[in-house]
Protein backbone atom coordinates (compact mmCIF):
# COMPACT_ATOMS: atom_id res chain seq x y z
CA ILE A 1 45.09 58.68 62.53
CA SER A 2 45.74 57.50 66.03
CA GLY A 3 48.46 55.32 67.42
CA ILE A 4 52.20 55.34 67.49
CA GLY A 5 53.94 55.78 64.17
CA ASN A 6 55.58 58.07 61.70
CA TYR A 7 52.86 58.95 59.23
CA MET A 8 52.96 60.62 55.84
CA TYR A 9 49.91 62.26 54.27
CA ILE A 10 49.13 62.59 50.57
CA LEU A 11 46.33 64.65 49.05
CA ASP A 12 45.15 63.60 45.58
CA ASN A 13 48.32 61.62 44.75
CA GLY A 14 50.41 64.72 45.40
CA VAL A 15 53.65 65.15 47.29
CA PRO A 16 53.81 63.28 50.64
CA GLN A 17 54.01 65.49 53.72
CA SER A 18 54.47 64.84 57.42
CA SER A 19 51.71 67.28 58.46
CA ASN A 20 48.09 66.18 58.50
CA VAL A 21 47.00 69.73 57.62
CA PHE A 22 46.53 70.75 53.99
CA TYR A 23 46.22 74.37 52.83
CA ASN A 24 44.48 75.89 49.79
CA VAL A 25 42.46 72.77 49.10
CA THR A 26 39.92 73.31 46.32
CA LEU A 27 36.21 72.65 46.74
CA GLY A 28 34.90 69.24 45.71
CA PRO A 29 35.97 65.62 46.10
CA HIS A 30 39.50 64.62 47.13
CA THR A 31 41.42 61.53 48.19
CA ILE A 32 43.69 61.46 51.23
CA GLU A 33 46.17 58.63 51.71
CA VAL A 34 47.95 58.06 55.01
CA TYR A 35 50.79 55.61 55.36
CA ASP A 36 53.21 54.60 58.08
CA LEU A 37 56.90 55.11 57.27
CA ASN A 38 57.63 51.85 59.06
CA GLY A 39 55.50 50.01 56.51
CA CYS A 40 52.89 48.86 59.02
CA ALA A 41 49.71 50.17 57.44
CA SER A 42 48.11 52.62 55.06
CA ALA A 43 44.62 54.03 54.65
CA ILE A 44 42.79 55.87 51.89
CA LYS A 45 39.82 58.14 52.59
CA GLU A 46 37.53 59.93 50.13
CA ILE A 47 36.54 63.41 51.33
CA VAL A 48 34.50 66.31 49.97
CA ILE A 49 35.23 69.98 50.66
CA ILE A 50 32.14 72.23 50.69
CA ASP A 51 31.62 75.86 51.68
CA ALA A 52 28.49 77.57 52.95
CA PRO A 53 28.58 81.31 52.22
CA LEU A 54 27.99 83.54 55.26
CA PHE A 55 25.84 86.01 53.32
CA PHE A 56 24.31 86.84 49.96
CA THR A 57 22.97 90.01 48.37
CA PRO A 58 20.16 89.34 45.86
CA ASN A 59 20.28 92.77 44.19
CA GLN A 60 20.82 91.52 40.61
CA ASP A 61 24.35 92.97 40.32
CA GLY A 62 25.74 89.61 39.26
CA GLN A 63 27.61 89.00 42.54
CA ASN A 64 26.24 86.87 45.39
CA ASP A 65 22.71 87.07 43.96
CA THR A 66 21.80 83.55 45.06
CA TRP A 67 22.75 81.40 48.04
CA HIS A 68 23.78 77.75 47.83
CA ILE A 69 26.47 75.62 49.39
CA THR A 70 29.46 75.67 47.07
CA GLY A 71 30.71 72.23 46.17
CA VAL A 72 27.47 70.27 46.65
CA ASN A 73 26.90 70.34 42.90
CA GLN A 74 29.44 67.50 42.86
CA ILE A 75 27.55 65.49 45.48
CA PRO A 76 24.31 64.09 43.98
CA GLY A 77 21.79 63.21 46.65
CA THR A 78 22.47 66.30 48.75
CA ILE A 79 19.41 68.31 49.83
CA VAL A 80 19.55 71.74 51.49
CA TYR A 81 16.61 73.16 53.45
CA ILE A 82 16.41 76.91 54.17
CA PHE A 83 14.39 78.23 57.13
CA ASP A 84 13.49 81.61 58.57
CA ARG A 85 14.19 82.42 62.21
CA TYR A 86 10.88 80.91 63.27
CA GLY A 87 11.67 77.56 61.65
CA LYS A 88 9.41 77.99 58.63
CA LEU A 89 10.70 76.12 55.58
CA LEU A 90 11.27 78.65 52.81
CA LYS A 91 13.15 76.70 50.14
CA THR A 92 14.45 73.23 49.35
CA LEU A 93 17.52 72.98 47.13
CA THR A 94 18.94 69.90 45.45
CA HIS A 95 22.60 69.49 44.56
CA SER A 96 21.85 70.83 41.08
CA SER A 97 19.61 73.76 42.05
CA PRO A 98 20.81 77.23 41.01
CA GLY A 99 20.42 78.50 44.59
CA TRP A 100 17.99 80.54 46.65
CA ASP A 101 17.19 84.02 45.33
CA GLY A 102 15.86 85.37 48.64
CA THR A 103 12.18 85.06 47.79
CA TYR A 104 9.27 83.11 49.24
CA ASN A 105 6.09 82.68 47.19
CA GLY A 106 7.38 85.36 44.81
CA GLN A 107 7.91 87.96 47.54
CA ASN A 108 11.30 89.31 48.62
CA MET A 109 12.28 88.16 52.08
CA PRO A 110 13.67 90.87 54.38
CA SER A 111 17.29 91.38 55.33
CA SER A 112 17.81 88.97 58.19
CA ASP A 113 19.55 85.81 59.27
CA TYR A 114 18.32 82.53 57.84
CA TRP A 115 19.21 78.96 58.73
CA PHE A 116 19.94 75.91 56.66
CA LEU A 117 20.08 72.19 57.15
CA ALA A 118 22.14 70.38 54.54
CA LYS A 119 21.73 66.63 54.30
CA VAL A 120 24.89 65.74 52.43
CA LYS A 121 24.96 62.30 50.89
CA LYS A 122 27.59 60.65 48.74
CA GLY A 123 27.06 56.94 48.22
CA THR A 124 26.76 55.29 51.62
CA ILE A 125 28.30 58.26 53.46
CA SER A 126 25.94 60.90 54.81
CA PHE A 127 26.11 63.74 57.32
CA GLU A 128 24.28 66.94 58.22
CA VAL A 129 25.50 70.53 58.31
CA LYS A 130 23.49 73.17 60.20
CA ARG A 131 24.35 76.85 60.21
CA HIS A 132 22.99 80.30 59.55
CA PHE A 133 23.70 82.95 56.94
CA THR A 134 22.61 86.51 56.23
CA LEU A 135 20.46 87.91 53.45
CA LYS A 136 21.47 91.56 52.88
CA ARG A 137 19.27 93.85 50.79
């Protein structure tokens, strides 16, 4: 919000607060409402909180065995592309995919950094997220 005013912020119809920073927000979709205490205006914005893990360890111990962006399962239309350091496409994930298991053509990929491009789409809103993560064996 920009401009002069005394604003209050509400996350998911919760308790109004004067700070525009929210802590311990869960993954997934949320609604933020902002209103002016002087009664001038209000605005409502739909947001989605996602999290891209920094690493995964596909060693079949039941923890971090696959890599996927947490929270995109609630955003149909999202596609995640995973690349090696040379830019070779290794895997394409949809919002409902179980995640990448660290293999390419049935072969284990080595411990290394990998990159992803997430094309996040919810309705008419779309954006891209690019980052890297580590596969540890």
